Protein backbone atom coordinates (compact mmCIF):
# COMPACT_ATOMS: atom_id res chain seq x y z
CA MET A 1 -23.76 -109.30 -26.67
CA VAL A 2 -24.60 -105.77 -25.57
CA GLN A 3 -21.74 -104.27 -23.58
CA ARG A 4 -22.91 -102.49 -20.44
CA LYS A 5 -22.13 -98.85 -19.89
CA PRO A 6 -19.51 -98.20 -17.23
CA VAL A 7 -20.75 -97.03 -13.85
CA ILE A 8 -19.52 -93.55 -13.01
CA GLY A 9 -18.70 -92.05 -9.64
CA PHE A 10 -18.62 -88.25 -9.50
CA ILE A 11 -17.02 -86.33 -6.61
CA GLY A 12 -17.44 -82.56 -6.40
CA ILE A 13 -20.93 -81.23 -7.10
CA GLY A 14 -20.17 -77.53 -7.48
CA LEU A 15 -20.75 -74.96 -10.21
CA MET A 16 -19.27 -77.28 -12.85
CA GLY A 17 -19.78 -80.69 -11.27
CA ARG A 18 -23.54 -80.30 -10.95
CA PRO A 19 -24.32 -79.84 -14.67
CA MET A 20 -21.63 -82.28 -15.75
CA SER A 21 -22.87 -85.11 -13.54
CA THR A 22 -26.47 -84.32 -14.48
CA ARG A 23 -25.67 -84.63 -18.18
CA LEU A 24 -24.12 -88.06 -17.58
CA VAL A 25 -27.27 -89.20 -15.80
CA GLN A 26 -29.36 -87.90 -18.69
CA ALA A 27 -27.12 -89.80 -21.11
CA GLY A 28 -28.16 -93.05 -19.44
CA TYR A 29 -25.18 -93.72 -17.19
CA GLU A 30 -25.53 -95.00 -13.66
CA VAL A 31 -23.92 -92.18 -11.67
CA TRP A 32 -22.99 -92.28 -7.99
CA VAL A 33 -22.24 -88.91 -6.41
CA TRP A 34 -20.50 -87.73 -3.25
CA ASN A 35 -19.81 -84.23 -1.97
CA ARG A 36 -18.44 -82.85 1.30
CA SER A 37 -21.55 -80.64 1.55
CA ALA A 38 -24.28 -83.22 1.12
CA GLU A 39 -27.01 -80.61 0.62
CA LYS A 40 -25.51 -79.77 -2.80
CA LEU A 41 -26.44 -83.24 -4.03
CA SER A 42 -30.18 -82.56 -4.23
CA PRO A 43 -30.33 -81.38 -7.89
CA VAL A 44 -28.37 -84.35 -9.24
CA LEU A 45 -30.26 -86.81 -7.06
CA ASP A 46 -33.50 -85.38 -8.42
CA ALA A 47 -32.11 -86.00 -11.91
CA GLY A 48 -31.54 -89.67 -11.09
CA ALA A 49 -28.06 -89.94 -9.59
CA LYS A 50 -27.42 -92.18 -6.58
CA ALA A 51 -25.96 -90.84 -3.34
CA ALA A 52 -22.93 -92.59 -1.90
CA GLY A 53 -22.56 -92.45 1.86
CA SER A 54 -18.78 -92.36 1.59
CA ILE A 55 -15.96 -92.14 -0.93
CA ALA A 56 -15.34 -95.84 -0.40
CA GLU A 57 -18.91 -96.72 -1.33
CA LEU A 58 -18.71 -94.56 -4.45
CA VAL A 59 -15.40 -96.09 -5.59
CA THR A 60 -16.68 -99.62 -4.93
CA HIS A 61 -19.64 -99.09 -7.24
CA ALA A 62 -17.83 -97.13 -9.96
CA ASP A 63 -15.73 -98.25 -12.92
CA ILE A 64 -14.68 -94.66 -13.56
CA VAL A 65 -14.26 -92.12 -10.76
CA MET A 66 -14.50 -88.46 -11.78
CA THR A 67 -13.42 -85.54 -9.61
CA CYS A 68 -14.15 -81.84 -10.09
CA LEU A 69 -12.65 -80.02 -7.11
CA ILE A 70 -11.56 -76.53 -6.19
CA ASN A 71 -7.78 -76.85 -5.96
CA THR A 72 -4.73 -79.11 -5.63
CA ASP A 73 -5.10 -79.60 -1.88
CA ALA A 74 -8.71 -80.69 -2.26
CA VAL A 75 -7.78 -83.26 -4.91
CA ARG A 76 -4.92 -84.59 -2.79
CA SER A 77 -7.21 -84.98 0.22
CA ILE A 78 -9.93 -86.80 -1.75
CA VAL A 79 -7.54 -89.06 -3.61
CA LEU A 80 -4.74 -89.81 -1.15
CA GLY A 81 -6.13 -88.72 2.21
CA GLU A 82 -7.67 -90.86 4.92
CA ALA A 83 -10.66 -92.81 3.55
CA GLY A 84 -9.79 -91.42 0.10
CA ILE A 85 -10.02 -92.94 -3.34
CA SER A 86 -6.69 -94.76 -3.06
CA GLU A 87 -7.98 -96.92 -0.21
CA SER A 88 -10.74 -98.43 -2.36
CA GLY A 89 -9.29 -98.17 -5.87
CA SER A 90 -8.01 -101.03 -8.02
CA THR A 91 -6.31 -101.68 -11.34
CA GLU A 92 -9.69 -102.14 -13.06
CA LYS A 93 -10.76 -98.58 -12.22
CA LEU A 94 -9.76 -95.22 -13.70
CA LEU A 95 -9.63 -91.74 -12.17
CA VAL A 96 -10.57 -88.76 -14.35
CA ASP A 97 -9.79 -85.41 -12.76
CA PHE A 98 -11.63 -82.41 -14.23
CA SER A 99 -10.15 -80.03 -11.65
CA SER A 100 -7.70 -77.29 -12.62
CA ILE A 101 -4.65 -78.00 -10.49
CA ALA A 102 -0.85 -77.94 -10.54
CA PRO A 103 0.77 -80.17 -13.20
CA ASP A 104 3.65 -81.32 -10.98
CA ALA A 105 1.26 -82.28 -8.19
CA THR A 106 -0.91 -84.11 -10.72
CA ARG A 107 2.04 -86.23 -11.84
CA GLU A 108 3.07 -86.95 -8.26
CA MET A 109 -0.44 -87.92 -7.17
CA ALA A 110 -1.00 -90.07 -10.26
CA ALA A 111 2.19 -92.00 -9.53
CA GLU A 112 1.26 -92.45 -5.87
CA LEU A 113 -2.28 -93.60 -6.73
CA LYS A 114 -0.83 -96.15 -9.15
CA ARG A 115 1.63 -97.34 -6.50
CA ARG A 116 -1.03 -97.70 -3.82
CA CYS A 117 -3.80 -99.44 -5.73
CA GLY A 118 -2.89 -99.69 -9.42
CA MET A 119 -5.52 -97.16 -10.50
CA GLY A 120 -4.81 -95.07 -13.61
CA TRP A 121 -5.18 -91.29 -13.88
CA VAL A 122 -6.32 -88.97 -16.66
CA ASP A 123 -6.11 -85.24 -16.00
CA ALA A 124 -8.92 -83.69 -18.01
CA PRO A 125 -9.41 -80.02 -17.07
CA VAL A 126 -12.18 -78.26 -18.94
CA SER A 127 -12.87 -74.86 -20.48
CA GLY A 128 -16.24 -73.36 -21.28
CA GLY A 129 -17.62 -72.40 -17.89
CA VAL A 130 -21.01 -73.23 -16.47
CA ALA A 131 -22.71 -72.47 -19.78
CA GLY A 132 -20.51 -75.03 -21.53
CA ALA A 133 -21.09 -77.59 -18.79
CA GLU A 134 -24.85 -77.15 -19.06
CA SER A 135 -24.90 -77.41 -22.86
CA GLY A 136 -22.30 -80.16 -23.13
CA THR A 137 -19.95 -78.00 -25.21
CA LEU A 138 -16.88 -77.94 -22.99
CA ALA A 139 -13.36 -78.18 -24.39
CA ILE A 140 -11.46 -80.94 -22.61
CA MET A 141 -7.66 -81.08 -22.65
CA ALA A 142 -6.51 -84.52 -21.51
CA GLY A 143 -3.25 -85.90 -20.19
CA GLY A 144 -2.63 -89.60 -19.66
CA ASP A 145 -2.28 -92.89 -21.52
CA ARG A 146 -3.72 -92.61 -25.02
CA GLU A 147 -5.67 -95.85 -24.59
CA ASP A 148 -7.36 -94.48 -21.47
CA VAL A 149 -8.27 -91.21 -23.19
CA GLU A 150 -9.67 -93.03 -26.22
CA ALA A 151 -11.73 -95.32 -23.98
CA LEU A 152 -13.21 -92.26 -22.30
CA ARG A 153 -14.32 -90.51 -25.50
CA PRO A 154 -17.83 -92.06 -25.68
CA ILE A 155 -18.48 -90.76 -22.17
CA LEU A 156 -16.84 -87.37 -22.56
CA GLU A 157 -18.75 -86.64 -25.76
CA HIS A 158 -21.80 -86.03 -23.57
CA LEU A 159 -19.90 -83.25 -21.82
CA SER A 160 -17.83 -81.69 -24.56
CA GLN A 161 -17.53 -80.53 -28.12
CA ARG A 162 -13.92 -81.62 -28.24
CA VAL A 163 -11.46 -83.84 -26.35
CA THR A 164 -7.79 -83.33 -27.20
CA HIS A 165 -5.11 -85.72 -25.97
CA MET A 166 -2.20 -83.45 -25.03
CA GLY A 167 0.34 -86.06 -23.92
CA GLU A 168 1.31 -87.81 -20.71
CA VAL A 169 -0.26 -87.22 -17.28
CA GLY A 170 0.02 -83.54 -16.36
CA SER A 171 -0.13 -82.30 -19.96
CA GLY A 172 -3.81 -81.48 -19.64
CA GLN A 173 -3.09 -79.28 -16.64
CA VAL A 174 -0.29 -77.43 -18.46
CA THR A 175 -2.68 -76.76 -21.34
CA LYS A 176 -5.36 -75.51 -18.94
CA ILE A 177 -2.87 -73.07 -17.38
CA CYS A 178 -2.17 -71.68 -20.85
CA ASN A 179 -5.92 -71.43 -21.41
CA GLN A 180 -6.39 -69.51 -18.19
CA MET A 181 -3.56 -67.11 -18.99
CA LEU A 182 -5.42 -66.17 -22.16
CA VAL A 183 -8.84 -66.01 -20.51
CA SER A 184 -7.69 -64.00 -17.50
CA CYS A 185 -5.85 -61.37 -19.52
CA ASN A 186 -8.87 -61.20 -21.82
CA VAL A 187 -11.37 -60.49 -19.05
CA LEU A 188 -9.05 -58.00 -17.36
CA VAL A 189 -8.64 -55.87 -20.46
CA MET A 190 -12.36 -56.31 -21.22
CA ALA A 191 -13.20 -54.55 -17.95
CA GLU A 192 -10.83 -51.68 -18.82
CA ALA A 193 -12.20 -51.36 -22.35
CA PHE A 194 -15.85 -51.41 -21.29
CA ALA A 195 -15.25 -48.78 -18.61
CA LEU A 196 -13.39 -46.58 -21.09
CA ALA A 197 -16.15 -46.91 -23.67
CA GLU A 198 -18.79 -46.12 -21.07
CA LYS A 199 -17.04 -42.94 -19.97
CA ALA A 200 -16.76 -41.93 -23.62
CA GLY A 201 -20.52 -42.24 -24.05
CA VAL A 202 -20.70 -45.54 -25.97
CA ASN A 203 -23.66 -47.89 -25.45
CA LEU A 204 -21.91 -50.87 -23.81
CA GLU A 205 -24.65 -53.31 -24.73
CA GLN A 206 -23.71 -52.88 -28.40
CA ILE A 207 -20.03 -53.75 -27.95
CA PRO A 208 -20.29 -57.58 -28.00
CA ALA A 209 -22.47 -57.44 -31.12
CA ALA A 210 -20.23 -54.86 -32.79
CA LEU A 211 -17.09 -56.94 -32.24
CA ALA A 212 -18.63 -60.34 -33.00
CA GLY A 213 -16.66 -62.16 -35.69
CA GLY A 214 -13.76 -59.73 -35.57
CA PHE A 215 -10.26 -60.27 -34.20
CA ALA A 216 -11.31 -58.98 -30.76
CA ASP A 217 -14.19 -61.45 -30.43
CA SER A 218 -14.07 -64.22 -27.86
CA ILE A 219 -16.37 -66.46 -25.87
CA PRO A 220 -15.70 -64.45 -22.66
CA LEU A 221 -16.64 -61.28 -24.55
CA GLN A 222 -19.94 -62.77 -25.69
CA LEU A 223 -20.82 -64.37 -22.34
CA THR A 224 -19.44 -61.91 -19.79
CA GLY A 225 -19.52 -58.72 -21.87
CA PRO A 226 -23.33 -58.36 -21.93
CA ARG A 227 -23.47 -58.91 -18.16
CA MET A 228 -20.81 -56.23 -17.63
CA ALA A 229 -22.76 -53.88 -19.88
CA ARG A 230 -26.10 -54.45 -18.16
CA GLY A 231 -24.68 -54.45 -14.64
CA GLU A 232 -25.80 -58.02 -13.96
CA PHE A 233 -23.31 -58.76 -11.21
CA ASP A 234 -25.12 -61.01 -8.72
CA GLU A 235 -25.17 -64.37 -10.50
CA VAL A 236 -21.82 -66.12 -10.20
CA LYS A 237 -20.90 -68.04 -13.37
CA TRP A 238 -17.23 -68.28 -12.41
CA HIS A 239 -15.02 -66.71 -9.74
CA VAL A 240 -12.30 -64.07 -9.69
CA ASN A 241 -10.54 -66.30 -7.12
CA THR A 242 -10.48 -69.15 -9.63
CA LEU A 243 -8.67 -66.99 -12.18
CA LEU A 244 -6.27 -65.81 -9.49
CA LYS A 245 -5.49 -69.40 -8.48
CA ASP A 246 -4.79 -70.36 -12.07
CA LEU A 247 -2.61 -67.30 -12.72
CA ASP A 248 -0.60 -68.18 -9.61
CA MET A 249 -0.06 -71.66 -11.05
CA ALA A 250 1.02 -70.07 -14.34
CA GLY A 251 3.67 -68.10 -12.45
CA ASP A 252 4.89 -71.22 -10.66
CA LEU A 253 5.07 -73.17 -13.91
CA ALA A 254 6.88 -70.33 -15.68
CA THR A 255 9.44 -70.14 -12.89
CA ALA A 256 10.02 -73.88 -13.01
CA MET A 257 10.42 -73.80 -16.80
CA GLY A 258 12.52 -70.62 -16.87
CA SER A 259 9.95 -68.98 -19.16
CA ALA A 260 9.00 -65.28 -19.13
CA VAL A 261 5.29 -64.47 -18.68
CA PRO A 262 5.17 -60.68 -18.16
CA MET A 263 1.52 -60.22 -19.22
CA ALA A 264 0.33 -63.01 -16.92
CA GLY A 265 2.57 -61.57 -14.20
CA LEU A 266 0.82 -58.22 -14.42
CA GLY A 267 -2.52 -59.99 -14.62
CA VAL A 268 -1.96 -61.90 -11.39
CA GLU A 269 -1.06 -58.71 -9.51
CA LEU A 270 -4.19 -56.94 -10.78
CA MET A 271 -6.37 -59.96 -10.02
CA ARG A 272 -4.92 -60.23 -6.53
CA MET A 273 -5.59 -56.54 -5.89
CA TYR A 274 -9.19 -56.93 -7.01
CA ALA A 275 -9.65 -60.05 -4.86
CA THR A 276 -8.37 -58.25 -1.76
CA ARG A 277 -10.83 -55.43 -2.43
CA GLY A 278 -13.73 -57.85 -2.08
CA TYR A 279 -14.18 -59.23 -5.57
CA GLY A 280 -12.63 -62.66 -4.98
CA GLY A 281 -15.86 -64.61 -4.56
CA LYS A 282 -17.68 -62.63 -7.24
CA ASP A 283 -18.13 -63.13 -10.96
CA PRO A 284 -15.51 -61.46 -13.22
CA ALA A 285 -18.29 -59.32 -14.69
CA ASN A 286 -17.80 -57.25 -11.54
CA LEU A 287 -14.32 -56.18 -12.63
CA ILE A 288 -15.72 -53.24 -14.59
CA ARG A 289 -16.66 -51.73 -11.23
CA CYS A 290 -12.96 -51.33 -10.45
CA TYR A 291 -12.80 -48.62 -13.12
CA ARG A 292 -15.98 -46.78 -12.15
CA ASP A 293 -16.13 -43.95 -9.65
CA GLU A 294 -18.77 -45.78 -7.64
CA ASP A 295 -16.49 -48.76 -6.93
CA ASN A 296 -18.24 -49.99 -3.79
CA ILE A 297 -18.74 -53.68 -3.19
CA ASP A 298 -21.63 -55.19 -1.30
């Protein structure tokens, strides 16, 4: 007997949710989608997804409900709020949250969802940006029951190059915070280094190639560095505000754990300053402009 593929419901069709849900459609899954701003559904509907008129309709159809939302409050509203996932969930269904949110809130919401309707929770934040979502090469760090994570692997392999089970619910979010500490400090010092090199007369477009394969190389350097060098600032691949949100969560986690994070602490203050100067909704490639004399934001 041929076992049918699980039906997937996907909530949150943003920068990451759009390519991720599209890849699942292309992999042959029946995918139902819902988004607060319905106009954002058009690309995935054109790809073959089905539009749900409500969260309840989506959950009713789906075996696995996936969320990719902007922050903790958004996840709480969609999962536990009025007409949210918990009102239509059941023990036979599973929630997979790709959002980057607070670990303690994740554990609390997972317990409440289980209490209300028996639905399990896997926190599965991702790293790799829009480029990784489009190419299916994301890194996924998962927290939850091992059996649930293993059952998800055949689906997640269409989205990722690697799925790592980090431990119980919330462990994925802790790992993502560590990831964002590294990424944020990387892109901050990248902006400083590129501006310094530029003022010293170095051709910035050669820097990513010159450093490729060395100890200073990184995916952010190879993806964001060329855009910094060429002044390609308009297209938003990720947001300064997203890094700021994640650095704030790193500070909260460090305080709760009694752990010192001085580099991330400096990073969050710099990122907050840049956000208040108008860079919050822009791509981090813009950060080089903070070190140029013509620092004027449109």
